[in-house]
Amino acid sequence: MSFYVAPGQQRTLRACMVCSLVQLHSKFMREGCPNCDHILGLRGNNDAIQECTSQVFEGLITIADVRSSWVARWQRLEGYVPGTYAVKVVGSLPDEVIASLEDAGVKYVPRDGSAGEEEA
């Protein structure tokens, strides 16, 4: 499995607004988000990908071991799969998606630096 992104494909990178995982749009379409798909249902759903991921993000970090990484703790990535994550993700989830997250027991904290990150 290759994680290489050719320069011409970089504009199709998107970041999940819930966990901040960065992937190609086509990979979200094919496989969904490995951390959030059980709630967001991104696999095969272009509308959900447009609503729950963003092309606007800042910084990239790559985490190999989310359990021992201080960066993973700092970014609230404990329990997520190893991968490439955005430091900040710009965008707003629809209210019904936030309600679904809460119903599933997930405390949603926006990853754009706007609210509550100091409390997390």
PDB file of N, CA and C in Angstrom:
ATOM      1  N   MET A   1       0.848  -1.172   0.000  1.00  0.00           N
ATOM      2  CA  MET A   1       0.000   0.000   0.000  1.00  0.00           C
ATOM      3  C   MET A   1       0.897   1.240   0.000  1.00  0.00           C
ATOM      4  N   SER A   2       0.671   2.126  -0.924  1.00  0.00           N
ATOM      5  CA  SER A   2       1.490   3.327  -1.037  1.00  0.00           C
ATOM      6  C   SER A   2       0.749   4.535  -0.479  1.00  0.00           C
ATOM      7  N   PHE A   3       1.473   5.348   0.297  1.00  0.00           N
ATOM      8  CA  PHE A   3       0.908   6.581   0.817  1.00  0.00           C
ATOM      9  C   PHE A   3       1.479   7.791   0.101  1.00  0.00           C
ATOM     10  N   TYR A   4       2.218   7.560  -0.972  1.00  0.00           N
ATOM     11  CA  TYR A   4       2.807   8.644  -1.746  1.00  0.00           C
ATOM     12  C   TYR A   4       1.706   9.403  -2.470  1.00  0.00           C
ATOM     13  N   VAL A   5       1.781  10.722  -2.415  1.00  0.00           N
ATOM     14  CA  VAL A   5       0.823  11.572  -3.124  1.00  0.00           C
ATOM     15  C   VAL A   5       1.603  12.367  -4.161  1.00  0.00           C
ATOM     16  N   ALA A   6       1.308  12.134  -5.423  1.00  0.00           N
ATOM     17  CA  ALA A   6       1.982  12.846  -6.506  1.00  0.00           C
ATOM     18  C   ALA A   6       1.651  14.332  -6.433  1.00  0.00           C
ATOM     19  N   PRO A   7       2.582  15.209  -6.812  1.00  0.00           N
ATOM     20  CA  PRO A   7       2.332  16.652  -6.733  1.00  0.00           C
ATOM     21  C   PRO A   7       1.036  17.092  -7.410  1.00  0.00           C
ATOM     22  N   GLY A   8       0.674  16.481  -8.506  1.00  0.00           N
ATOM     23  CA  GLY A   8      -0.551  16.848  -9.208  1.00  0.00           C
ATOM     24  C   GLY A   8      -1.820  16.465  -8.460  1.00  0.00           C
ATOM     25  N   GLN A   9      -1.703  15.558  -7.484  1.00  0.00           N
ATOM     26  CA  GLN A   9      -2.872  15.123  -6.727  1.00  0.00           C
ATOM     27  C   GLN A   9      -3.030  15.865  -5.406  1.00  0.00           C
ATOM     28  N   GLN A  10      -2.070  16.698  -5.032  1.00  0.00           N
ATOM     29  CA  GLN A  10      -2.122  17.336  -3.726  1.00  0.00           C
ATOM     30  C   GLN A  10      -3.351  18.210  -3.547  1.00  0.00           C
ATOM     31  N   ARG A  11      -3.871  18.767  -4.610  1.00  0.00           N
ATOM     32  CA  ARG A  11      -5.058  19.614  -4.459  1.00  0.00           C
ATOM     33  C   ARG A  11      -6.314  18.797  -4.148  1.00  0.00           C
ATOM     34  N   THR A  12      -6.247  17.475  -4.257  1.00  0.00           N
ATOM     35  CA  THR A  12      -7.398  16.645  -3.893  1.00  0.00           C
ATOM     36  C   THR A  12      -7.278  16.096  -2.476  1.00  0.00           C
ATOM     37  N   LEU A  13      -6.271  16.552  -1.724  1.00  0.00           N
ATOM     38  CA  LEU A  13      -6.158  16.142  -0.326  1.00  0.00           C
ATOM     39  C   LEU A  13      -7.271  16.796   0.475  1.00  0.00           C
ATOM     40  N   ARG A  14      -7.820  16.036   1.431  1.00  0.00           N
ATOM     41  CA  ARG A  14      -8.857  16.538   2.314  1.00  0.00           C
ATOM     42  C   ARG A  14      -8.542  16.059   3.722  1.00  0.00           C
ATOM     43  N   ALA A  15      -8.998  16.819   4.698  1.00  0.00           N
ATOM     44  CA  ALA A  15      -8.808  16.455   6.102  1.00  0.00           C
ATOM     45  C   ALA A  15     -10.169  16.228   6.747  1.00  0.00           C
ATOM     46  N   CYS A  16     -10.288  15.145   7.486  1.00  0.00           N
ATOM     47  CA  CYS A  16     -11.518  14.853   8.228  1.00  0.00           C
ATOM     48  C   CYS A  16     -11.701  15.933   9.300  1.00  0.00           C
ATOM     49  N   MET A  17     -12.884  16.493   9.395  1.00  0.00           N
ATOM     50  CA  MET A  17     -13.134  17.557  10.373  1.00  0.00           C
ATOM     51  C   MET A  17     -13.303  17.017  11.787  1.00  0.00           C
ATOM     52  N   VAL A  18     -13.454  15.707  11.940  1.00  0.00           N
ATOM     53  CA  VAL A  18     -13.592  15.132  13.273  1.00  0.00           C
ATOM     54  C   VAL A  18     -12.231  14.731  13.844  1.00  0.00           C
ATOM     55  N   CYS A  19     -11.437  13.974  13.067  1.00  0.00           N
ATOM     56  CA  CYS A  19     -10.161  13.470  13.600  1.00  0.00           C
ATOM     57  C   CYS A  19      -8.944  14.131  12.969  1.00  0.00           C
ATOM     58  N   SER A  20      -9.099  14.865  11.901  1.00  0.00           N
ATOM     59  CA  SER A  20      -8.070  15.600  11.149  1.00  0.00           C
ATOM     60  C   SER A  20      -7.164  14.721  10.281  1.00  0.00           C
ATOM     61  N   LEU A  21      -7.520  13.455  10.055  1.00  0.00           N
ATOM     62  CA  LEU A  21      -6.757  12.589   9.154  1.00  0.00           C
ATOM     63  C   LEU A  21      -6.793  13.166   7.742  1.00  0.00           C
ATOM     64  N   VAL A  22      -5.647  13.176   7.069  1.00  0.00           N
ATOM     65  CA  VAL A  22      -5.540  13.715   5.716  1.00  0.00           C
ATOM     66  C   VAL A  22      -5.382  12.567   4.725  1.00  0.00           C
ATOM     67  N   GLN A  23      -6.227  12.561   3.701  1.00  0.00           N
ATOM     68  CA  GLN A  23      -6.165  11.567   2.625  1.00  0.00           C
ATOM     69  C   GLN A  23      -6.620  12.224   1.323  1.00  0.00           C
ATOM     70  N   LEU A  24      -6.379  11.515   0.234  1.00  0.00           N
ATOM     71  CA  LEU A  24      -6.946  11.927  -1.046  1.00  0.00           C
ATOM     72  C   LEU A  24      -8.465  11.763  -1.007  1.00  0.00           C
ATOM     73  N   HIS A  25      -9.163  12.635  -1.734  1.00  0.00           N
ATOM     74  CA  HIS A  25     -10.619  12.509  -1.854  1.00  0.00           C
ATOM     75  C   HIS A  25     -10.990  11.097  -2.297  1.00  0.00           C
ATOM     76  N   SER A  26     -10.261  10.563  -3.270  1.00  0.00           N
ATOM     77  CA  SER A  26     -10.586   9.234  -3.793  1.00  0.00           C
ATOM     78  C   SER A  26     -10.432   8.143  -2.731  1.00  0.00           C
ATOM     79  N   LYS A  27      -9.499   8.319  -1.805  1.00  0.00           N
ATOM     80  CA  LYS A  27      -9.331   7.318  -0.739  1.00  0.00           C
ATOM     81  C   LYS A  27     -10.469   7.418   0.275  1.00  0.00           C
ATOM     82  N   PHE A  28     -10.913   8.647   0.602  1.00  0.00           N
ATOM     83  CA  PHE A  28     -12.102   8.774   1.445  1.00  0.00           C
ATOM     84  C   PHE A  28     -13.285   8.097   0.759  1.00  0.00           C
ATOM     85  N   MET A  29     -13.406   8.281  -0.554  1.00  0.00           N
ATOM     86  CA  MET A  29     -14.516   7.688  -1.301  1.00  0.00           C
ATOM     87  C   MET A  29     -14.428   6.160  -1.285  1.00  0.00           C
ATOM     88  N   ARG A  30     -13.237   5.631  -1.485  1.00  0.00           N
ATOM     89  CA  ARG A  30     -13.031   4.186  -1.570  1.00  0.00           C
ATOM     90  C   ARG A  30     -13.087   3.503  -0.202  1.00  0.00           C
ATOM     91  N   GLU A  31     -12.463   4.127   0.820  1.00  0.00           N
ATOM     92  CA  GLU A  31     -12.276   3.442   2.103  1.00  0.00           C
ATOM     93  C   GLU A  31     -12.919   4.158   3.290  1.00  0.00           C
ATOM     94  N   GLY A  32     -13.352   5.399   3.103  1.00  0.00           N
ATOM     95  CA  GLY A  32     -13.879   6.163   4.224  1.00  0.00           C
ATOM     96  C   GLY A  32     -12.756   6.637   5.133  1.00  0.00           C
ATOM     97  N   CYS A  33     -13.094   7.088   6.314  1.00  0.00           N
ATOM     98  CA  CYS A  33     -12.109   7.509   7.310  1.00  0.00           C
ATOM     99  C   CYS A  33     -11.906   6.347   8.280  1.00  0.00           C
ATOM    100  N   PRO A  34     -10.677   5.870   8.448  1.00  0.00           N
ATOM    101  CA  PRO A  34     -10.463   4.715   9.321  1.00  0.00           C
ATOM    102  C   PRO A  34     -10.799   4.997  10.789  1.00  0.00           C
ATOM    103  N   ASN A  35     -10.851   6.258  11.183  1.00  0.00           N
ATOM    104  CA  ASN A  35     -11.180   6.605  12.564  1.00  0.00           C
ATOM    105  C   ASN A  35     -12.667   6.892  12.771  1.00  0.00           C
ATOM    106  N   CYS A  36     -13.329   7.425  11.760  1.00  0.00           N
ATOM    107  CA  CYS A  36     -14.671   7.992  11.951  1.00  0.00           C
ATOM    108  C   CYS A  36     -15.755   7.407  11.055  1.00  0.00           C
ATOM    109  N   ASP A  37     -15.419   6.522  10.144  1.00  0.00           N
ATOM    110  CA  ASP A  37     -16.411   6.102   9.154  1.00  0.00           C
ATOM    111  C   ASP A  37     -17.610   5.397   9.773  1.00  0.00           C
ATOM    112  N   HIS A  38     -17.417   4.746  10.916  1.00  0.00           N
ATOM    113  CA  HIS A  38     -18.541   4.069  11.574  1.00  0.00           C
ATOM    114  C   HIS A  38     -19.630   5.061  11.985  1.00  0.00           C
ATOM    115  N   ILE A  39     -19.263   6.348  12.113  1.00  0.00           N
ATOM    116  CA  ILE A  39     -20.240   7.382  12.463  1.00  0.00           C
ATOM    117  C   ILE A  39     -20.581   8.257  11.252  1.00  0.00           C
ATOM    118  N   LEU A  40     -19.541   8.655  10.501  1.00  0.00           N
ATOM    119  CA  LEU A  40     -19.747   9.604   9.407  1.00  0.00           C
ATOM    120  C   LEU A  40     -20.240   8.969   8.112  1.00  0.00           C
ATOM    121  N   GLY A  41     -19.883   7.712   7.860  1.00  0.00           N
ATOM    122  CA  GLY A  41     -20.323   7.038   6.645  1.00  0.00           C
ATOM    123  C   GLY A  41     -19.805   7.690   5.372  1.00  0.00           C
ATOM    124  N   LEU A  42     -18.504   7.975   5.325  1.00  0.00           N
ATOM    125  CA  LEU A  42     -17.928   8.647   4.160  1.00  0.00           C
ATOM    126  C   LEU A  42     -17.736   7.723   2.964  1.00  0.00           C
ATOM    127  N   ARG A  43     -17.488   6.449   3.208  1.00  0.00           N
ATOM    128  CA  ARG A  43     -17.187   5.511   2.124  1.00  0.00           C
ATOM    129  C   ARG A  43     -18.308   5.504   1.091  1.00  0.00           C
ATOM    130  N   GLY A  44     -17.961   5.871  -0.153  1.00  0.00           N
ATOM    131  CA  GLY A  44     -18.913   5.851  -1.247  1.00  0.00           C
ATOM    132  C   GLY A  44     -19.953   6.960  -1.218  1.00  0.00           C
ATOM    133  N   ASN A  45     -19.768   7.958  -0.358  1.00  0.00           N
ATOM    134  CA  ASN A  45     -20.783   9.006  -0.200  1.00  0.00           C
ATOM    135  C   ASN A  45     -20.137  10.377  -0.411  1.00  0.00           C
ATOM    136  N   ASN A  46     -20.159  10.859  -1.635  1.00  0.00           N
ATOM    137  CA  ASN A  46     -19.516  12.135  -1.963  1.00  0.00           C
ATOM    138  C   ASN A  46     -20.104  13.305  -1.169  1.00  0.00           C
ATOM    139  N   ASP A  47     -21.418  13.307  -0.931  1.00  0.00           N
ATOM    140  CA  ASP A  47     -22.034  14.389  -0.155  1.00  0.00           C
ATOM    141  C   ASP A  47     -21.470  14.430   1.265  1.00  0.00           C
ATOM    142  N   ALA A  48     -21.345  13.261   1.894  1.00  0.00           N
ATOM    143  CA  ALA A  48     -20.796  13.205   3.253  1.00  0.00           C
ATOM    144  C   ALA A  48     -19.332  13.639   3.264  1.00  0.00           C
ATOM    145  N   ILE A  49     -18.582  13.271   2.235  1.00  0.00           N
ATOM    146  CA  ILE A  49     -17.176  13.690   2.148  1.00  0.00           C
ATOM    147  C   ILE A  49     -17.100  15.209   2.056  1.00  0.00           C
ATOM    148  N   GLN A  50     -17.960  15.816   1.245  1.00  0.00           N
ATOM    149  CA  GLN A  50     -17.965  17.268   1.104  1.00  0.00           C
ATOM    150  C   GLN A  50     -18.345  17.955   2.416  1.00  0.00           C
ATOM    151  N   GLU A  51     -19.275  17.371   3.172  1.00  0.00           N
ATOM    152  CA  GLU A  51     -19.739  17.977   4.419  1.00  0.00           C
ATOM    153  C   GLU A  51     -18.794  17.771   5.592  1.00  0.00           C
ATOM    154  N   CYS A  52     -18.096  16.628   5.627  1.00  0.00           N
ATOM    155  CA  CYS A  52     -17.349  16.230   6.834  1.00  0.00           C
ATOM    156  C   CYS A  52     -15.838  16.282   6.678  1.00  0.00           C
ATOM    157  N   THR A  53     -15.353  16.653   5.487  1.00  0.00           N
ATOM    158  CA  THR A  53     -13.916  16.836   5.291  1.00  0.00           C
ATOM    159  C   THR A  53     -13.704  18.216   4.685  1.00  0.00           C
ATOM    160  N   SER A  54     -12.463  18.685   4.748  1.00  0.00           N
ATOM    161  CA  SER A  54     -12.173  20.027   4.239  1.00  0.00           C
ATOM    162  C   SER A  54     -10.881  20.017   3.433  1.00  0.00           C
ATOM    163  N   GLN A  55     -10.864  20.829   2.388  1.00  0.00           N
ATOM    164  CA  GLN A  55      -9.636  21.023   1.620  1.00  0.00           C
ATOM    165  C   GLN A  55      -8.759  22.093   2.256  1.00  0.00           C
ATOM    166  N   VAL A  56      -9.280  22.790   3.254  1.00  0.00           N
ATOM    167  CA  VAL A  56      -8.560  23.896   3.887  1.00  0.00           C
ATOM    168  C   VAL A  56      -8.047  23.432   5.249  1.00  0.00           C
ATOM    169  N   PHE A  57      -6.744  23.231   5.325  1.00  0.00           N
ATOM    170  CA  PHE A  57      -6.130  22.814   6.580  1.00  0.00           C
ATOM    171  C   PHE A  57      -4.712  23.348   6.648  1.00  0.00           C
ATOM    172  N   GLU A  58      -4.159  23.370   7.864  1.00  0.00           N
ATOM    173  CA  GLU A  58      -2.815  23.884   8.086  1.00  0.00           C
ATOM    174  C   GLU A  58      -1.941  22.804   8.704  1.00  0.00           C
ATOM    175  N   GLY A  59      -0.701  22.756   8.255  1.00  0.00           N
ATOM    176  CA  GLY A  59       0.295  21.881   8.857  1.00  0.00           C
ATOM    177  C   GLY A  59      -0.018  20.413   8.686  1.00  0.00           C
ATOM    178  N   LEU A  60       1.005  19.617   8.556  1.00  0.00           N
ATOM    179  CA  LEU A  60       0.861  18.170   8.467  1.00  0.00           C
ATOM    180  C   LEU A  60       1.807  17.528   9.472  1.00  0.00           C
ATOM    181  N   ILE A  61       1.297  16.535  10.187  1.00  0.00           N
ATOM    182  CA  ILE A  61       2.138  15.736  11.066  1.00  0.00           C
ATOM    183  C   ILE A  61       1.881  14.275  10.737  1.00  0.00           C
ATOM    184  N   THR A  62       2.915  13.486  10.817  1.00  0.00           N
ATOM    185  CA  THR A  62       2.784  12.056  10.569  1.00  0.00           C
ATOM    186  C   THR A  62       3.076  11.328  11.870  1.00  0.00           C
ATOM    187  N   ILE A  63       2.146  10.492  12.273  1.00  0.00           N
ATOM    188  CA  ILE A  63       2.250   9.772  13.534  1.00  0.00           C
ATOM    189  C   ILE A  63       2.371   8.284  13.228  1.00  0.00           C
ATOM    190  N   ALA A  64       3.438   7.671  13.723  1.00  0.00           N
ATOM    191  CA  ALA A  64       3.625   6.236  13.535  1.00  0.00           C
ATOM    192  C   ALA A  64       3.063   5.444  14.714  1.00  0.00           C
ATOM    193  N   ASP A  65       3.200   5.974  15.937  1.00  0.00           N
ATOM    194  CA  ASP A  65       2.722   5.282  17.135  1.00  0.00           C
ATOM    195  C   ASP A  65       1.929   6.275  17.981  1.00  0.00           C
ATOM    196  N   VAL A  66       0.609   6.222  17.869  1.00  0.00           N
ATOM    197  CA  VAL A  66      -0.227   7.200  18.556  1.00  0.00           C
ATOM    198  C   VAL A  66      -0.199   7.025  20.070  1.00  0.00           C
ATOM    199  N   ARG A  67       0.215   5.861  20.551  1.00  0.00           N
ATOM    200  CA  ARG A  67       0.245   5.626  22.000  1.00  0.00           C
ATOM    201  C   ARG A  67       1.423   6.299  22.679  1.00  0.00           C
ATOM    202  N   SER A  68       2.580   6.366  22.019  1.00  0.00           N
ATOM    203  CA  SER A  68       3.769   6.894  22.690  1.00  0.00           C
ATOM    204  C   SER A  68       4.159   8.298  22.236  1.00  0.00           C
ATOM    205  N   SER A  69       3.427   8.870  21.322  1.00  0.00           N
ATOM    206  CA  SER A  69       3.783  10.173  20.756  1.00  0.00           C
ATOM    207  C   SER A  69       3.189  11.314  21.575  1.00  0.00           C
ATOM    208  N   TRP A  70       4.039  12.232  22.014  1.00  0.00           N
ATOM    209  CA  TRP A  70       3.530  13.419  22.719  1.00  0.00           C
ATOM    210  C   TRP A  70       2.757  14.306  21.751  1.00  0.00           C
ATOM    211  N   VAL A  71       3.142  14.285  20.475  1.00  0.00           N
ATOM    212  CA  VAL A  71       2.420  15.079  19.479  1.00  0.00           C
ATOM    213  C   VAL A  71       0.992  14.537  19.323  1.00  0.00           C
ATOM    214  N   ALA A  72       0.852  13.215  19.354  1.00  0.00           N
ATOM    215  CA  ALA A  72      -0.483  12.615  19.269  1.00  0.00           C
ATOM    216  C   ALA A  72      -1.339  13.047  20.457  1.00  0.00           C
ATOM    217  N   ARG A  73      -0.763  13.078  21.643  1.00  0.00           N
ATOM    218  CA  ARG A  73      -1.518  13.543  22.820  1.00  0.00           C
ATOM    219  C   ARG A  73      -1.886  15.015  22.667  1.00  0.00           C
ATOM    220  N   TRP A  74      -0.920  15.820  22.229  1.00  0.00           N
ATOM    221  CA  TRP A  74      -1.137  17.259  22.050  1.00  0.00           C
ATOM    222  C   TRP A  74      -2.257  17.538  21.044  1.00  0.00           C
ATOM    223  N   GLN A  75      -2.314  16.721  19.985  1.00  0.00           N
ATOM    224  CA  GLN A  75      -3.336  16.902  18.939  1.00  0.00           C
ATOM    225  C   GLN A  75      -4.611  16.096  19.209  1.00  0.00           C
ATOM    226  N   ARG A  76      -4.698  15.430  20.347  1.00  0.00           N
ATOM    227  CA  ARG A  76      -5.855  14.603  20.705  1.00  0.00           C
ATOM    228  C   ARG A  76      -6.078  13.486  19.678  1.00  0.00           C
ATOM    229  N   LEU A  77      -5.019  12.738  19.379  1.00  0.00           N
ATOM    230  CA  LEU A  77      -5.107  11.669  18.388  1.00  0.00           C
ATOM    231  C   LEU A  77      -4.980  10.281  19.014  1.00  0.00           C
ATOM    232  N   GLU A  78      -4.991  10.192  20.336  1.00  0.00           N
ATOM    233  CA  GLU A  78      -4.872   8.888  20.982  1.00  0.00           C
ATOM    234  C   GLU A  78      -6.012   7.983  20.530  1.00  0.00           C
ATOM    235  N   GLY A  79      -5.692   6.750  20.233  1.00  0.00           N
ATOM    236  CA  GLY A  79      -6.691   5.787  19.806  1.00  0.00           C
ATOM    237  C   GLY A  79      -6.973   5.791  18.316  1.00  0.00           C
ATOM    238  N   TYR A  80      -6.364   6.722  17.579  1.00  0.00           N
ATOM    239  CA  TYR A  80      -6.568   6.767  16.135  1.00  0.00           C
ATOM    240  C   TYR A  80      -5.500   5.946  15.425  1.00  0.00           C
ATOM    241  N   VAL A  81      -5.714   5.691  14.145  1.00  0.00           N
ATOM    242  CA  VAL A  81      -4.762   4.916  13.360  1.00  0.00           C
ATOM    243  C   VAL A  81      -3.521   5.758  13.063  1.00  0.00           C
ATOM    244  N   PRO A  82      -2.366   5.112  12.906  1.00  0.00           N
ATOM    245  CA  PRO A  82      -1.184   5.856  12.448  1.00  0.00           C
ATOM    246  C   PRO A  82      -1.468   6.465  11.080  1.00  0.00           C
ATOM    247  N   GLY A  83      -0.904   7.644  10.823  1.00  0.00           N
ATOM    248  CA  GLY A  83      -1.129   8.284   9.532  1.00  0.00           C
ATOM    249  C   GLY A  83      -0.711   9.730   9.544  1.00  0.00           C
ATOM    250  N   THR A  84      -1.167  10.457   8.540  1.00  0.00           N
ATOM    251  CA  THR A  84      -0.864  11.883   8.396  1.00  0.00           C
ATOM    252  C   THR A  84      -2.097  12.674   8.803  1.00  0.00           C
ATOM    253  N   TYR A  85      -1.872  13.641   9.687  1.00  0.00           N
ATOM    254  CA  TYR A  85      -2.959  14.436  10.244  1.00  0.00           C
ATOM    255  C   TYR A  85      -2.669  15.923  10.055  1.00  0.00           C
ATOM    256  N   ALA A  86      -3.720  16.706   9.930  1.00  0.00           N
ATOM    257  CA  ALA A  86      -3.598  18.160   9.855  1.00  0.00           C
ATOM    258  C   ALA A  86      -3.520  18.722  11.268  1.00  0.00           C
ATOM    259  N   VAL A  87      -2.753  19.788  11.434  1.00  0.00           N
ATOM    260  CA  VAL A  87      -2.680  20.456  12.729  1.00  0.00           C
ATOM    261  C   VAL A  87      -3.973  21.223  12.995  1.00  0.00           C
ATOM    262  N   LYS A  88      -4.492  21.910  11.983  1.00  0.00           N
ATOM    263  CA  LYS A  88      -5.763  22.630  12.064  1.00  0.00           C
ATOM    264  C   LYS A  88      -6.581  22.315  10.819  1.00  0.00           C
ATOM    265  N   VAL A  89      -7.887  22.169  10.992  1.00  0.00           N
ATOM    266  CA  VAL A  89      -8.797  21.918   9.876  1.00  0.00           C
ATOM    267  C   VAL A  89      -9.870  22.995   9.904  1.00  0.00           C
ATOM    268  N   VAL A  90     -10.024  23.704   8.796  1.00  0.00           N
ATOM    269  CA  VAL A  90     -11.002  24.783   8.698  1.00  0.00           C
ATOM    270  C   VAL A  90     -12.303  24.225   8.129  1.00  0.00           C
ATOM    271  N   GLY A  91     -13.393  24.534   8.802  1.00  0.00           N
ATOM    272  CA  GLY A  91     -14.699  24.096   8.325  1.00  0.00           C
ATOM    273  C   GLY A  91     -15.628  23.821   9.487  1.00  0.00           C
ATOM    274  N   SER A  92     -16.912  23.702   9.182  1.00  0.00           N
ATOM    275  CA  SER A  92     -17.929  23.447  10.204  1.00  0.00           C
ATOM    276  C   SER A  92     -18.742  22.230   9.822  1.00  0.00           C
ATOM    277  N   LEU A  93     -18.904  21.336  10.764  1.00  0.00           N
ATOM    278  CA  LEU A  93     -19.757  20.176  10.531  1.00  0.00           C
ATOM    279  C   LEU A  93     -21.222  20.592  10.614  1.00  0.00           C
ATOM    280  N   PRO A  94     -22.076  19.955   9.818  1.00  0.00           N
ATOM    281  CA  PRO A  94     -23.511  20.214   9.931  1.00  0.00           C
ATOM    282  C   PRO A  94     -24.022  19.801  11.323  1.00  0.00           C
ATOM    283  N   ASP A  95     -25.047  20.481  11.810  1.00  0.00           N
ATOM    284  CA  ASP A  95     -25.600  20.196  13.133  1.00  0.00           C
ATOM    285  C   ASP A  95     -26.024  18.741  13.290  1.00  0.00           C
ATOM    286  N   GLU A  96     -26.590  18.153  12.233  1.00  0.00           N
ATOM    287  CA  GLU A  96     -27.049  16.758  12.348  1.00  0.00           C
ATOM    288  C   GLU A  96     -25.871  15.791  12.503  1.00  0.00           C
ATOM    289  N   VAL A  97     -24.720  16.126  11.930  1.00  0.00           N
ATOM    290  CA  VAL A  97     -23.529  15.286  12.094  1.00  0.00           C
ATOM    291  C   VAL A  97     -23.011  15.405  13.529  1.00  0.00           C
ATOM    292  N   ILE A  98     -23.007  16.622  14.067  1.00  0.00           N
ATOM    293  CA  ILE A  98     -22.582  16.819  15.459  1.00  0.00           C
ATOM    294  C   ILE A  98     -23.506  16.048  16.394  1.00  0.00           C
ATOM    295  N   ALA A  99     -24.812  16.066  16.118  1.00  0.00           N
ATOM    296  CA  ALA A  99     -25.775  15.312  16.925  1.00  0.00           C
ATOM    297  C   ALA A  99     -25.495  13.813  16.844  1.00  0.00           C
ATOM    298  N   SER A 100     -25.162  13.309  15.645  1.00  0.00           N
ATOM    299  CA  SER A 100     -24.835  11.888  15.483  1.00  0.00           C
ATOM    300  C   SER A 100     -23.590  11.516  16.280  1.00  0.00           C
ATOM    301  N   LEU A 101     -22.604  12.396  16.269  1.00  0.00           N
ATOM    302  CA  LEU A 101     -21.387  12.147  17.049  1.00  0.00           C
ATOM    303  C   LEU A 101     -21.720  12.070  18.537  1.00  0.00           C
ATOM    304  N   GLU A 102     -22.502  13.024  19.022  1.00  0.00           N
ATOM    305  CA  GLU A 102     -22.876  13.030  20.440  1.00  0.00           C
ATOM    306  C   GLU A 102     -23.674  11.784  20.802  1.00  0.00           C
ATOM    307  N   ASP A 103     -24.595  11.361  19.896  1.00  0.00           N
ATOM    308  CA  ASP A 103     -25.380  10.148  20.138  1.00  0.00           C
ATOM    309  C   ASP A 103     -24.483   8.916  20.227  1.00  0.00           C
ATOM    310  N   ALA A 104     -23.356   8.957  19.514  1.00  0.00           N
ATOM    311  CA  ALA A 104     -22.410   7.836  19.534  1.00  0.00           C
ATOM    312  C   ALA A 104     -21.404   7.960  20.682  1.00  0.00           C
ATOM    313  N   GLY A 105     -21.554   8.994  21.506  1.00  0.00           N
ATOM    314  CA  GLY A 105     -20.663   9.158  22.647  1.00  0.00           C
ATOM    315  C   GLY A 105     -19.358   9.847  22.330  1.00  0.00           C
ATOM    316  N   VAL A 106     -19.283  10.515  21.182  1.00  0.00           N
ATOM    317  CA  VAL A 106     -18.065  11.211  20.779  1.00  0.00           C
ATOM    318  C   VAL A 106     -18.230  12.688  21.107  1.00  0.00           C
ATOM    319  N   LYS A 107     -17.319  13.224  21.944  1.00  0.00           N
ATOM    320  CA  LYS A 107     -17.360  14.648  22.258  1.00  0.00           C
ATOM    321  C   LYS A 107     -16.633  15.375  21.130  1.00  0.00           C
ATOM    322  N   TYR A 108     -17.386  16.101  20.325  1.00  0.00           N
ATOM    323  CA  TYR A 108     -16.804  16.802  19.180  1.00  0.00           C
ATOM    324  C   TYR A 108     -16.187  18.116  19.621  1.00  0.00           C
ATOM    325  N   VAL A 109     -14.909  18.291  19.292  1.00  0.00           N
ATOM    326  CA  VAL A 109     -14.212  19.552  19.516  1.00  0.00           C
ATOM    327  C   VAL A 109     -13.697  20.002  18.155  1.00  0.00           C
ATOM    328  N   PRO A 110     -14.138  21.167  17.661  1.00  0.00           N
ATOM    329  CA  PRO A 110     -13.665  21.633  16.353  1.00  0.00           C
ATOM    330  C   PRO A 110     -12.138  21.652  16.302  1.00  0.00           C
ATOM    331  N   ARG A 111     -11.584  21.298  15.159  1.00  0.00           N
ATOM    332  CA  ARG A 111     -10.131  21.228  15.000  1.00  0.00           C
ATOM    333  C   ARG A 111      -9.575  22.448  14.288  1.00  0.00           C
ATOM    334  N   ASP A 112     -10.329  23.562  14.357  1.00  0.00           N
ATOM    335  CA  ASP A 112      -9.861  24.783  13.693  1.00  0.00           C
ATOM    336  C   ASP A 112      -9.289  25.802  14.671  1.00  0.00           C
ATOM    337  N   GLY A 113      -9.183  25.423  15.952  1.00  0.00           N
ATOM    338  CA  GLY A 113      -8.634  26.324  16.949  1.00  0.00           C
ATOM    339  C   GLY A 113      -9.631  27.328  17.470  1.00  0.00           C
ATOM    340  N   SER A 114     -10.906  27.197  17.102  1.00  0.00           N
ATOM    341  CA  SER A 114     -11.894  28.225  17.449  1.00  0.00           C
ATOM    342  C   SER A 114     -12.481  28.086  18.842  1.00  0.00           C
ATOM    343  N   ALA A 115     -12.684  26.866  19.291  1.00  0.00           N
ATOM    344  CA  ALA A 115     -13.417  26.734  20.558  1.00  0.00           C
ATOM    345  C   ALA A 115     -12.996  25.497  21.317  1.00  0.00           C
ATOM    346  N   GLY A 116     -12.774  25.679  22.607  1.00  0.00           N
ATOM    347  CA  GLY A 116     -12.649  24.559  23.517  1.00  0.00           C
ATOM    348  C   GLY A 116     -11.394  23.735  23.442  1.00  0.00           C
ATOM    349  N   GLU A 117     -10.456  24.054  22.573  1.00  0.00           N
ATOM    350  CA  GLU A 117      -9.276  23.194  22.487  1.00  0.00           C
ATOM    351  C   GLU A 117      -8.435  23.270  23.748  1.00  0.00           C
ATOM    352  N   GLU A 118      -8.469  24.412  24.434  1.00  0.00           N
ATOM    353  CA  GLU A 118      -7.699  24.510  25.667  1.00  0.00           C
ATOM    354  C   GLU A 118      -8.299  23.659  26.773  1.00  0.00           C
ATOM    355  N   GLU A 119      -9.579  23.277  26.621  1.00  0.00           N
ATOM    356  CA  GLU A 119     -10.251  22.452  27.626  1.00  0.00           C
ATOM    357  C   GLU A 119     -10.039  20.974  27.372  1.00  0.00           C
ATOM    358  N   ALA A 120      -9.717  20.588  26.163  1.00  0.00           N
ATOM    359  CA  ALA A 120      -9.642  19.183  25.774  1.00  0.00           C
ATOM    360  C   ALA A 120      -8.508  18.458  26.450  1.00  0.00           C
TER     361      ALA A 120
END
